[in-house]
Amino acid sequence: MTRSEMQAAMGTRIRLAREAIEPDRAAFARMLPVDPATLRRIEDGETAPSVFLVMELARRLRVSPNHIILGHD
């Protein structure tokens, strides 16, 4: 799997988990806090989140960091 494929898969997992918690991307971004455009780029697979953001996403989304990064717990 290429890096861009991994980023896209991670972004999809983040988006699906986020939509279950908070459908409004901008509202969720404010909770993190990150810019909504940054969250959009992460969810769209254009950029990878930092390790610190992965940890905060995992906490807010109530999933493990392994789920976000690898797709399993």
PDB file of N, CA and C in Angstrom:
ATOM      1  N   MET A   1       0.849  -1.171   0.000  1.00  0.00           N
ATOM      2  CA  MET A   1       0.000   0.000   0.000  1.00  0.00           C
ATOM      3  C   MET A   1       0.897   1.238   0.000  1.00  0.00           C
ATOM      4  N   THR A   2       0.598   2.181  -0.873  1.00  0.00           N
ATOM      5  CA  THR A   2       1.393   3.399  -0.956  1.00  0.00           C
ATOM      6  C   THR A   2       1.009   4.367   0.163  1.00  0.00           C
ATOM      7  N   ARG A   3       1.840   5.366   0.348  1.00  0.00           N
ATOM      8  CA  ARG A   3       1.572   6.363   1.381  1.00  0.00           C
ATOM      9  C   ARG A   3       0.251   7.084   1.117  1.00  0.00           C
ATOM     10  N   SER A   4      -0.003   7.444  -0.129  1.00  0.00           N
ATOM     11  CA  SER A   4      -1.245   8.152  -0.440  1.00  0.00           C
ATOM     12  C   SER A   4      -2.465   7.259  -0.211  1.00  0.00           C
ATOM     13  N   GLU A   5      -2.345   5.976  -0.476  1.00  0.00           N
ATOM     14  CA  GLU A   5      -3.445   5.042  -0.195  1.00  0.00           C
ATOM     15  C   GLU A   5      -3.677   4.919   1.305  1.00  0.00           C
ATOM     16  N   MET A   6      -2.592   4.890   2.073  1.00  0.00           N
ATOM     17  CA  MET A   6      -2.715   4.811   3.536  1.00  0.00           C
ATOM     18  C   MET A   6      -3.364   6.077   4.089  1.00  0.00           C
ATOM     19  N   GLN A   7      -2.960   7.240   3.571  1.00  0.00           N
ATOM     20  CA  GLN A   7      -3.557   8.499   4.011  1.00  0.00           C
ATOM     21  C   GLN A   7      -5.042   8.542   3.683  1.00  0.00           C
ATOM     22  N   ALA A   8      -5.411   8.076   2.483  1.00  0.00           N
ATOM     23  CA  ALA A   8      -6.815   8.073   2.077  1.00  0.00           C
ATOM     24  C   ALA A   8      -7.630   7.150   2.978  1.00  0.00           C
ATOM     25  N   ALA A   9      -7.104   5.967   3.282  1.00  0.00           N
ATOM     26  CA  ALA A   9      -7.815   5.022   4.143  1.00  0.00           C
ATOM     27  C   ALA A   9      -7.951   5.579   5.557  1.00  0.00           C
ATOM     28  N   MET A  10      -6.887   6.210   6.063  1.00  0.00           N
ATOM     29  CA  MET A  10      -6.940   6.801   7.391  1.00  0.00           C
ATOM     30  C   MET A  10      -7.968   7.928   7.413  1.00  0.00           C
ATOM     31  N   GLY A  11      -7.976   8.755   6.385  1.00  0.00           N
ATOM     32  CA  GLY A  11      -8.935   9.849   6.301  1.00  0.00           C
ATOM     33  C   GLY A  11     -10.371   9.351   6.286  1.00  0.00           C
ATOM     34  N   THR A  12     -10.608   8.269   5.576  1.00  0.00           N
ATOM     35  CA  THR A  12     -11.950   7.689   5.527  1.00  0.00           C
ATOM     36  C   THR A  12     -12.374   7.189   6.897  1.00  0.00           C
ATOM     37  N   ARG A  13     -11.462   6.521   7.605  1.00  0.00           N
ATOM     38  CA  ARG A  13     -11.793   6.037   8.950  1.00  0.00           C
ATOM     39  C   ARG A  13     -12.102   7.194   9.897  1.00  0.00           C
ATOM     40  N   ILE A  14     -11.314   8.256   9.785  1.00  0.00           N
ATOM     41  CA  ILE A  14     -11.547   9.436  10.628  1.00  0.00           C
ATOM     42  C   ILE A  14     -12.902  10.046  10.294  1.00  0.00           C
ATOM     43  N   ARG A  15     -13.189  10.214   9.008  1.00  0.00           N
ATOM     44  CA  ARG A  15     -14.460  10.820   8.606  1.00  0.00           C
ATOM     45  C   ARG A  15     -15.651  10.003   9.080  1.00  0.00           C
ATOM     46  N   LEU A  16     -15.604   8.700   8.902  1.00  0.00           N
ATOM     47  CA  LEU A  16     -16.730   7.848   9.317  1.00  0.00           C
ATOM     48  C   LEU A  16     -16.944   7.902  10.825  1.00  0.00           C
ATOM     49  N   ALA A  17     -15.854   7.855  11.580  1.00  0.00           N
ATOM     50  CA  ALA A  17     -15.967   7.930  13.038  1.00  0.00           C
ATOM     51  C   ALA A  17     -16.460   9.307  13.459  1.00  0.00           C
ATOM     52  N   ARG A  18     -15.946  10.352  12.806  1.00  0.00           N
ATOM     53  CA  ARG A  18     -16.362  11.707  13.138  1.00  0.00           C
ATOM     54  C   ARG A  18     -17.839  11.923  12.849  1.00  0.00           C
ATOM     55  N   GLU A  19     -18.323  11.426  11.713  1.00  0.00           N
ATOM     56  CA  GLU A  19     -19.732  11.599  11.356  1.00  0.00           C
ATOM     57  C   GLU A  19     -20.663  10.915  12.354  1.00  0.00           C
ATOM     58  N   ALA A  20     -20.202   9.846  12.981  1.00  0.00           N
ATOM     59  CA  ALA A  20     -21.013   9.165  13.994  1.00  0.00           C
ATOM     60  C   ALA A  20     -21.097   9.981  15.280  1.00  0.00           C
ATOM     61  N   ILE A  21     -20.078  10.779  15.550  1.00  0.00           N
ATOM     62  CA  ILE A  21     -20.028  11.603  16.770  1.00  0.00           C
ATOM     63  C   ILE A  21     -20.577  13.001  16.504  1.00  0.00           C
ATOM     64  N   GLU A  22     -20.103  13.613  15.416  1.00  0.00           N
ATOM     65  CA  GLU A  22     -20.465  14.997  15.095  1.00  0.00           C
ATOM     66  C   GLU A  22     -20.516  15.168  13.576  1.00  0.00           C
ATOM     67  N   PRO A  23     -21.717  15.230  13.016  1.00  0.00           N
ATOM     68  CA  PRO A  23     -21.835  15.368  11.559  1.00  0.00           C
ATOM     69  C   PRO A  23     -21.248  16.667  10.999  1.00  0.00           C
ATOM     70  N   ASP A  24     -21.198  17.709  11.806  1.00  0.00           N
ATOM     71  CA  ASP A  24     -20.695  19.000  11.353  1.00  0.00           C
ATOM     72  C   ASP A  24     -19.172  19.047  11.498  1.00  0.00           C
ATOM     73  N   ARG A  25     -18.471  18.994  10.373  1.00  0.00           N
ATOM     74  CA  ARG A  25     -17.002  18.964  10.385  1.00  0.00           C
ATOM     75  C   ARG A  25     -16.421  20.190  11.076  1.00  0.00           C
ATOM     76  N   ALA A  26     -16.983  21.367  10.805  1.00  0.00           N
ATOM     77  CA  ALA A  26     -16.455  22.597  11.407  1.00  0.00           C
ATOM     78  C   ALA A  26     -16.607  22.578  12.926  1.00  0.00           C
ATOM     79  N   ALA A  27     -17.736  22.099  13.404  1.00  0.00           N
ATOM     80  CA  ALA A  27     -17.953  22.018  14.852  1.00  0.00           C
ATOM     81  C   ALA A  27     -16.958  21.050  15.482  1.00  0.00           C
ATOM     82  N   PHE A  28     -16.720  19.914  14.831  1.00  0.00           N
ATOM     83  CA  PHE A  28     -15.768  18.944  15.360  1.00  0.00           C
ATOM     84  C   PHE A  28     -14.353  19.519  15.340  1.00  0.00           C
ATOM     85  N   ALA A  29     -14.002  20.229  14.277  1.00  0.00           N
ATOM     86  CA  ALA A  29     -12.669  20.829  14.178  1.00  0.00           C
ATOM     87  C   ALA A  29     -12.433  21.799  15.325  1.00  0.00           C
ATOM     88  N   ARG A  30     -13.456  22.560  15.687  1.00  0.00           N
ATOM     89  CA  ARG A  30     -13.317  23.492  16.814  1.00  0.00           C
ATOM     90  C   ARG A  30     -13.084  22.751  18.123  1.00  0.00           C
ATOM     91  N   MET A  31     -13.606  21.543  18.258  1.00  0.00           N
ATOM     92  CA  MET A  31     -13.415  20.764  19.479  1.00  0.00           C
ATOM     93  C   MET A  31     -11.969  20.287  19.619  1.00  0.00           C
ATOM     94  N   LEU A  32     -11.233  20.174  18.520  1.00  0.00           N
ATOM     95  CA  LEU A  32      -9.903  19.561  18.574  1.00  0.00           C
ATOM     96  C   LEU A  32      -8.806  20.420  19.226  1.00  0.00           C
ATOM     97  N   PRO A  33      -8.510  21.609  18.986  1.00  0.00           N
ATOM     98  CA  PRO A  33      -8.926  22.527  17.933  1.00  0.00           C
ATOM     99  C   PRO A  33      -7.963  22.488  16.743  1.00  0.00           C
ATOM    100  N   VAL A  34      -8.529  22.372  15.560  1.00  0.00           N
ATOM    101  CA  VAL A  34      -7.786  22.527  14.304  1.00  0.00           C
ATOM    102  C   VAL A  34      -8.664  23.314  13.351  1.00  0.00           C
ATOM    103  N   ASP A  35      -8.063  23.827  12.334  1.00  0.00           N
ATOM    104  CA  ASP A  35      -8.794  24.549  11.314  1.00  0.00           C
ATOM    105  C   ASP A  35      -9.675  23.553  10.545  1.00  0.00           C
ATOM    106  N   PRO A  36     -10.919  23.907  10.232  1.00  0.00           N
ATOM    107  CA  PRO A  36     -11.779  23.005   9.464  1.00  0.00           C
ATOM    108  C   PRO A  36     -11.156  22.579   8.132  1.00  0.00           C
ATOM    109  N   ALA A  37     -10.399  23.467   7.503  1.00  0.00           N
ATOM    110  CA  ALA A  37      -9.746  23.113   6.240  1.00  0.00           C
ATOM    111  C   ALA A  37      -8.689  22.024   6.457  1.00  0.00           C
ATOM    112  N   THR A  38      -8.006  22.069   7.581  1.00  0.00           N
ATOM    113  CA  THR A  38      -7.019  21.028   7.912  1.00  0.00           C
ATOM    114  C   THR A  38      -7.713  19.693   8.100  1.00  0.00           C
ATOM    115  N   LEU A  39      -8.824  19.698   8.822  1.00  0.00           N
ATOM    116  CA  LEU A  39      -9.569  18.454   9.028  1.00  0.00           C
ATOM    117  C   LEU A  39     -10.097  17.916   7.700  1.00  0.00           C
ATOM    118  N   ARG A  40     -10.549  18.796   6.821  1.00  0.00           N
ATOM    119  CA  ARG A  40     -11.025  18.362   5.506  1.00  0.00           C
ATOM    120  C   ARG A  40      -9.900  17.700   4.718  1.00  0.00           C
ATOM    121  N   ARG A  41      -8.694  18.306   4.734  1.00  0.00           N
ATOM    122  CA  ARG A  41      -7.564  17.716   4.010  1.00  0.00           C
ATOM    123  C   ARG A  41      -7.185  16.351   4.584  1.00  0.00           C
ATOM    124  N   ILE A  42      -7.278  16.192   5.895  1.00  0.00           N
ATOM    125  CA  ILE A  42      -6.981  14.902   6.525  1.00  0.00           C
ATOM    126  C   ILE A  42      -8.033  13.879   6.114  1.00  0.00           C
ATOM    127  N   GLU A  43      -9.308  14.251   6.224  1.00  0.00           N
ATOM    128  CA  GLU A  43     -10.378  13.320   5.863  1.00  0.00           C
ATOM    129  C   GLU A  43     -10.366  12.966   4.378  1.00  0.00           C
ATOM    130  N   ASP A  44      -9.921  13.894   3.541  1.00  0.00           N
ATOM    131  CA  ASP A  44      -9.843  13.637   2.103  1.00  0.00           C
ATOM    132  C   ASP A  44      -8.571  12.896   1.696  1.00  0.00           C
ATOM    133  N   GLY A  45      -7.687  12.626   2.678  1.00  0.00           N
ATOM    134  CA  GLY A  45      -6.466  11.882   2.398  1.00  0.00           C
ATOM    135  C   GLY A  45      -5.366  12.711   1.760  1.00  0.00           C
ATOM    136  N   GLU A  46      -5.505  14.022   1.793  1.00  0.00           N
ATOM    137  CA  GLU A  46      -4.494  14.897   1.194  1.00  0.00           C
ATOM    138  C   GLU A  46      -3.285  15.076   2.098  1.00  0.00           C
ATOM    139  N   THR A  47      -3.492  14.950   3.388  1.00  0.00           N
ATOM    140  CA  THR A  47      -2.405  15.108   4.352  1.00  0.00           C
ATOM    141  C   THR A  47      -2.621  14.143   5.512  1.00  0.00           C
ATOM    142  N   ALA A  48      -1.537  13.801   6.181  1.00  0.00           N
ATOM    143  CA  ALA A  48      -1.634  12.901   7.332  1.00  0.00           C
ATOM    144  C   ALA A  48      -1.641  13.729   8.621  1.00  0.00           C
ATOM    145  N   PRO A  49      -2.401  13.299   9.613  1.00  0.00           N
ATOM    146  CA  PRO A  49      -2.395  14.015  10.890  1.00  0.00           C
ATOM    147  C   PRO A  49      -1.110  13.728  11.657  1.00  0.00           C
ATOM    148  N   SER A  50      -0.737  14.666  12.502  1.00  0.00           N
ATOM    149  CA  SER A  50       0.421  14.443  13.365  1.00  0.00           C
ATOM    150  C   SER A  50       0.081  13.363  14.390  1.00  0.00           C
ATOM    151  N   VAL A  51       1.091  12.827  15.027  1.00  0.00           N
ATOM    152  CA  VAL A  51       0.865  11.820  16.061  1.00  0.00           C
ATOM    153  C   VAL A  51       0.039  12.407  17.203  1.00  0.00           C
ATOM    154  N   PHE A  52       0.254  13.674  17.491  1.00  0.00           N
ATOM    155  CA  PHE A  52      -0.499  14.323  18.564  1.00  0.00           C
ATOM    156  C   PHE A  52      -1.970  14.465  18.189  1.00  0.00           C
ATOM    157  N   LEU A  53      -2.236  14.792  16.925  1.00  0.00           N
ATOM    158  CA  LEU A  53      -3.619  14.902  16.474  1.00  0.00           C
ATOM    159  C   LEU A  53      -4.276  13.525  16.422  1.00  0.00           C
ATOM    160  N   VAL A  54      -3.540  12.498  16.043  1.00  0.00           N
ATOM    161  CA  VAL A  54      -4.090  11.131  16.059  1.00  0.00           C
ATOM    162  C   VAL A  54      -4.540  10.773  17.469  1.00  0.00           C
ATOM    163  N   MET A  55      -3.724  11.100  18.449  1.00  0.00           N
ATOM    164  CA  MET A  55      -4.087  10.783  19.834  1.00  0.00           C
ATOM    165  C   MET A  55      -5.340  11.546  20.263  1.00  0.00           C
ATOM    166  N   GLU A  56      -5.437  12.819  19.900  1.00  0.00           N
ATOM    167  CA  GLU A  56      -6.616  13.610  20.253  1.00  0.00           C
ATOM    168  C   GLU A  56      -7.844  13.127  19.491  1.00  0.00           C
ATOM    169  N   LEU A  57      -7.686  12.794  18.226  1.00  0.00           N
ATOM    170  CA  LEU A  57      -8.801  12.237  17.448  1.00  0.00           C
ATOM    171  C   LEU A  57      -9.305  10.943  18.075  1.00  0.00           C
ATOM    172  N   ALA A  58      -8.377  10.071  18.448  1.00  0.00           N
ATOM    173  CA  ALA A  58      -8.763   8.803  19.065  1.00  0.00           C
ATOM    174  C   ALA A  58      -9.561   9.039  20.342  1.00  0.00           C
ATOM    175  N   ARG A  59      -9.118   9.982  21.143  1.00  0.00           N
ATOM    176  CA  ARG A  59      -9.828  10.290  22.387  1.00  0.00           C
ATOM    177  C   ARG A  59     -11.217  10.852  22.088  1.00  0.00           C
ATOM    178  N   ARG A  60     -11.299  11.812  21.210  1.00  0.00           N
ATOM    179  CA  ARG A  60     -12.585  12.452  20.900  1.00  0.00           C
ATOM    180  C   ARG A  60     -13.550  11.511  20.180  1.00  0.00           C
ATOM    181  N   LEU A  61     -13.007  10.640  19.327  1.00  0.00           N
ATOM    182  CA  LEU A  61     -13.851   9.732  18.543  1.00  0.00           C
ATOM    183  C   LEU A  61     -14.129   8.415  19.270  1.00  0.00           C
ATOM    184  N   ARG A  62     -13.495   8.245  20.433  1.00  0.00           N
ATOM    185  CA  ARG A  62     -13.671   7.041  21.241  1.00  0.00           C
ATOM    186  C   ARG A  62     -13.290   5.760  20.473  1.00  0.00           C
ATOM    187  N   VAL A  63     -12.149   5.855  19.780  1.00  0.00           N
ATOM    188  CA  VAL A  63     -11.565   4.709  19.088  1.00  0.00           C
ATOM    189  C   VAL A  63     -10.093   4.646  19.478  1.00  0.00           C
ATOM    190  N   SER A  64      -9.443   3.559  19.151  1.00  0.00           N
ATOM    191  CA  SER A  64      -8.021   3.450  19.460  1.00  0.00           C
ATOM    192  C   SER A  64      -7.194   4.131  18.363  1.00  0.00           C
ATOM    193  N   PRO A  65      -5.996   4.583  18.708  1.00  0.00           N
ATOM    194  CA  PRO A  65      -5.103   5.109  17.670  1.00  0.00           C
ATOM    195  C   PRO A  65      -4.831   4.059  16.585  1.00  0.00           C
ATOM    196  N   ASN A  66      -4.777   2.789  16.970  1.00  0.00           N
ATOM    197  CA  ASN A  66      -4.590   1.724  15.980  1.00  0.00           C
ATOM    198  C   ASN A  66      -5.724   1.698  14.966  1.00  0.00           C
ATOM    199  N   HIS A  67      -6.922   1.965  15.428  1.00  0.00           N
ATOM    200  CA  HIS A  67      -8.057   1.998  14.483  1.00  0.00           C
ATOM    201  C   HIS A  67      -7.863   3.116  13.474  1.00  0.00           C
ATOM    202  N   ILE A  68      -7.447   4.283  13.932  1.00  0.00           N
ATOM    203  CA  ILE A  68      -7.245   5.400  13.027  1.00  0.00           C
ATOM    204  C   ILE A  68      -6.115   5.108  12.052  1.00  0.00           C
ATOM    205  N   ILE A  69      -5.003   4.614  12.537  1.00  0.00           N
ATOM    206  CA  ILE A  69      -3.819   4.432  11.699  1.00  0.00           C
ATOM    207  C   ILE A  69      -3.909   3.171  10.851  1.00  0.00           C
ATOM    208  N   LEU A  70      -4.286   2.048  11.476  1.00  0.00           N
ATOM    209  CA  LEU A  70      -4.214   0.759  10.798  1.00  0.00           C
ATOM    210  C   LEU A  70      -5.561   0.174  10.389  1.00  0.00           C
ATOM    211  N   GLY A  71      -6.621   0.673  10.992  1.00  0.00           N
ATOM    212  CA  GLY A  71      -7.943   0.147  10.656  1.00  0.00           C
ATOM    213  C   GLY A  71      -8.404  -0.994  11.516  1.00  0.00           C
ATOM    214  N   HIS A  72      -7.698  -1.263  12.603  1.00  0.00           N
ATOM    215  CA  HIS A  72      -8.137  -2.309  13.535  1.00  0.00           C
ATOM    216  C   HIS A  72      -7.698  -1.957  14.949  1.00  0.00           C
ATOM    217  N   ASP A  73      -8.323  -2.590  15.919  1.00  0.00           N
ATOM    218  CA  ASP A  73      -8.012  -2.295  17.319  1.00  0.00           C
ATOM    219  C   ASP A  73      -7.032  -3.262  17.910  1.00  0.00           C
TER     220      ASP A  73
END
